[in-house]
């Protein structure tokens, strides 16, 4: 077998992996080296925890109360905010989904009669997704449930000053990236 450059590099490092009992201290050390600011680490952990728990609860509430997934609601809401239709590529970027994931979701929503899909470019590659009347009705049914829970779980638990500070801080760290 011929050794590759990466194999040689790994062998020359003589990296000794800890046994499983020492993984936690290793991870603690790696975290402390990467993020020495304890306030930064605490803020990051709080953000991740809050996001995960809020999104899980909002998703559960929509499915239990309306029978609509949070991802499907997001697509309907994005289309509604855009005036009823969007290119699928823009929709995927707005909904933070890959284009292939969005295509599967749209296929299902088309089958349910909530959206339409049409080719727009001469070569057939441009796809526009639009809300149907049943899609608008489903959005009108789901939005009050979702927004009530956003208010109860998030908005009402923070002061106006905290909400303003949080919005400002998160805008600073929002990453502009495409999903594909």
Protein backbone atom coordinates (compact mmCIF):
# COMPACT_ATOMS: atom_id res chain seq x y z
CA UNK A 1 0.00 0.00 0.00
CA UNK A 2 1.32 3.42 -0.94
CA UNK A 3 1.22 6.02 1.83
CA UNK A 4 -0.55 9.24 0.97
CA UNK A 5 0.52 12.66 2.22
CA UNK A 6 -2.37 12.73 4.69
CA UNK A 7 -1.50 9.27 6.03
CA UNK A 8 2.10 10.32 6.52
CA UNK A 9 1.03 13.50 8.25
CA UNK A 10 -1.24 11.60 10.64
CA UNK A 11 1.42 9.03 11.41
CA UNK A 12 4.01 11.72 12.09
CA UNK A 13 1.73 13.51 14.57
CA UNK A 14 1.46 10.47 16.85
CA UNK A 15 -1.90 11.72 18.03
CA UNK A 16 -2.97 9.84 21.08
CA UNK A 17 -6.71 9.75 21.51
CA UNK A 18 -7.98 9.74 25.09
CA UNK A 19 -10.03 6.88 26.40
CA UNK A 20 -13.75 7.53 26.68
CA UNK A 21 -13.52 8.47 30.36
CA UNK A 22 -11.31 11.44 29.45
CA UNK A 23 -13.44 12.81 26.61
CA UNK A 24 -15.29 15.39 28.74
CA UNK A 25 -12.09 17.02 30.05
CA UNK A 26 -10.67 16.98 26.52
CA UNK A 27 -13.77 18.70 25.16
CA UNK A 28 -13.72 21.23 28.02
CA UNK A 29 -10.10 22.06 27.18
CA UNK A 30 -10.83 22.40 23.46
CA UNK A 31 -13.81 24.67 24.14
CA UNK A 32 -11.79 26.83 26.56
CA UNK A 33 -9.01 27.20 23.99
CA UNK A 34 -11.41 28.05 21.16
CA UNK A 35 -13.74 30.34 23.14
CA UNK A 36 -11.89 31.67 26.19
CA UNK A 37 -14.51 34.36 26.85
CA UNK A 38 -16.90 32.72 29.32
CA UNK A 39 -19.60 35.32 28.64
CA UNK A 40 -19.37 34.49 24.94
CA UNK A 41 -19.62 30.78 25.60
CA UNK A 42 -22.58 31.24 27.95
CA UNK A 43 -24.36 33.44 25.40
CA UNK A 44 -23.73 30.90 22.63
CA UNK A 45 -25.06 28.03 24.72
CA UNK A 46 -28.11 30.07 25.74
CA UNK A 47 -28.82 30.95 22.10
CA UNK A 48 -28.56 27.32 20.96
CA UNK A 49 -30.69 26.08 23.87
CA UNK A 50 -33.35 28.77 23.39
CA UNK A 51 -33.51 28.19 19.64
CA UNK A 52 -33.82 24.42 20.00
CA UNK A 53 -36.47 24.52 22.72
CA UNK A 54 -38.53 27.31 21.15
CA UNK A 55 -38.51 25.75 17.69
CA UNK A 56 -39.36 22.32 19.08
CA UNK A 57 -42.30 23.75 21.06
CA UNK A 58 -43.56 25.88 18.15
CA UNK A 59 -43.34 22.87 15.84
CA UNK A 60 -45.20 20.65 18.32
CA UNK A 61 -47.92 23.25 18.85
CA UNK A 62 -48.59 23.67 15.12
CA UNK A 63 -48.78 19.93 14.49
CA UNK A 64 -50.98 19.29 17.54
CA UNK A 65 -53.32 22.27 17.04
CA UNK A 66 -53.47 22.57 13.24
CA UNK A 67 -51.83 19.44 11.78
CA UNK A 68 -49.26 21.52 9.89
CA UNK A 69 -45.50 21.18 10.24
CA UNK A 70 -43.44 24.24 11.09
CA UNK A 71 -41.54 23.86 7.81
CA UNK A 72 -44.77 23.80 5.82
CA UNK A 73 -46.08 26.82 7.74
CA UNK A 74 -42.82 28.64 7.02
CA UNK A 75 -43.21 28.03 3.27
CA UNK A 76 -46.82 29.25 3.30
CA UNK A 77 -45.84 32.31 5.38
CA UNK A 78 -42.88 33.15 3.13
CA UNK A 79 -45.14 32.94 0.08
CA UNK A 80 -47.76 35.07 1.81
CA UNK A 81 -45.24 37.74 2.76
CA UNK A 82 -43.98 37.81 -0.83
CA UNK A 83 -47.45 38.50 -2.20
CA UNK A 84 -48.40 34.92 -2.98
CA UNK A 85 -45.58 33.59 -5.15
CA UNK A 86 -41.80 33.20 -5.28
CA UNK A 87 -39.11 31.48 -7.28
CA UNK A 88 -38.25 28.20 -5.61
CA UNK A 89 -34.59 29.22 -5.25
CA UNK A 90 -35.57 32.39 -3.36
CA UNK A 91 -38.03 30.43 -1.26
CA UNK A 92 -35.35 27.89 -0.33
CA UNK A 93 -32.98 30.69 0.72
CA UNK A 94 -35.66 32.49 2.76
CA UNK A 95 -36.82 29.29 4.43
CA UNK A 96 -33.24 28.15 5.13
CA UNK A 97 -33.61 24.95 3.21
CA UNK A 98 -31.62 23.28 0.49
CA UNK A 99 -33.14 23.51 -2.96
CA UNK A 100 -33.58 19.73 -3.07
CA UNK A 101 -35.23 19.73 0.37
CA UNK A 102 -37.49 22.56 -0.71
CA UNK A 103 -38.39 20.70 -3.91
CA UNK A 104 -39.55 17.67 -1.88
CA UNK A 105 -41.56 19.91 0.47
CA UNK A 106 -43.16 21.75 -2.47
CA UNK A 107 -44.01 18.42 -4.14
CA UNK A 108 -45.93 17.43 -1.01
CA UNK A 109 -47.64 20.82 -0.66
CA UNK A 110 -48.67 20.63 -4.35
CA UNK A 111 -50.15 17.16 -3.69
CA UNK A 112 -52.07 18.63 -0.73
CA UNK A 113 -53.39 21.45 -2.95
CA UNK A 114 -51.81 24.23 -0.85
CA UNK A 115 -49.42 25.55 -3.52
CA UNK A 116 -48.89 25.45 -7.26
CA UNK A 117 -45.64 25.06 -9.14
CA UNK A 118 -44.97 26.36 -12.65
CA UNK A 119 -41.96 26.63 -14.95
CA UNK A 120 -41.29 30.22 -15.96
CA UNK A 121 -38.14 30.32 -18.08
CA UNK A 122 -37.99 29.26 -21.70
CA UNK A 123 -35.60 26.45 -20.76
CA UNK A 124 -37.91 25.22 -18.00
CA UNK A 125 -35.38 25.71 -15.19
CA UNK A 126 -37.09 28.67 -13.50
CA UNK A 127 -39.73 27.43 -11.10
CA UNK A 128 -42.28 29.68 -9.38
CA UNK A 129 -44.30 28.47 -6.42
CA UNK A 130 -47.63 30.12 -5.62
CA UNK A 131 -50.24 29.91 -2.89
CA UNK A 132 -53.61 28.42 -3.80
CA UNK A 133 -56.87 29.50 -2.16
CA UNK A 134 -56.71 26.46 0.16
CA UNK A 135 -53.09 27.43 0.94
CA UNK A 136 -54.17 30.93 1.90
CA UNK A 137 -56.94 29.46 4.07
CA UNK A 138 -54.46 27.08 5.75
CA UNK A 139 -52.06 29.99 6.38
CA UNK A 140 -54.90 32.08 7.84
CA UNK A 141 -55.79 29.17 10.14
CA UNK A 142 -52.21 28.48 11.27
CA UNK A 143 -50.80 32.01 11.64
CA UNK A 144 -52.83 33.01 14.72
CA UNK A 145 -51.88 29.78 16.53
CA UNK A 146 -48.19 30.18 15.69
CA UNK A 147 -48.05 33.90 16.47
CA UNK A 148 -49.90 33.47 19.77
CA UNK A 149 -47.29 30.93 20.85
CA UNK A 150 -44.40 33.17 19.65
CA UNK A 151 -45.88 35.93 21.79
CA UNK A 152 -46.36 33.67 24.84
CA UNK A 153 -43.06 31.79 24.65
CA UNK A 154 -40.80 34.64 23.56
CA UNK A 155 -42.10 38.20 23.30
CA UNK A 156 -43.96 38.36 26.63
CA UNK A 157 -40.99 36.96 28.56
CA UNK A 158 -38.68 39.83 27.60
CA UNK A 159 -38.89 43.57 28.18
CA UNK A 160 -38.96 45.96 25.23
CA UNK A 161 -35.36 46.90 26.05
CA UNK A 162 -34.28 43.23 26.07
CA UNK A 163 -36.08 42.60 22.77
CA UNK A 164 -34.39 45.60 21.17
CA UNK A 165 -30.95 44.62 22.48
CA UNK A 166 -31.42 41.03 21.37
CA UNK A 167 -32.54 42.04 17.87
CA UNK A 168 -29.59 44.39 17.51
CA UNK A 169 -27.08 41.82 18.77
CA UNK A 170 -28.38 39.03 16.55
CA UNK A 171 -28.37 41.25 13.46
CA UNK A 172 -24.63 41.77 14.03
CA UNK A 173 -23.88 38.07 13.92
CA UNK A 174 -26.37 36.95 11.26
CA UNK A 175 -24.47 35.24 8.49
CA UNK A 176 -25.51 35.83 4.92
CA UNK A 177 -25.28 32.41 3.37
CA UNK A 178 -27.12 30.46 0.74
CA UNK A 179 -28.44 27.02 1.28
CA UNK A 180 -28.11 24.63 -1.58
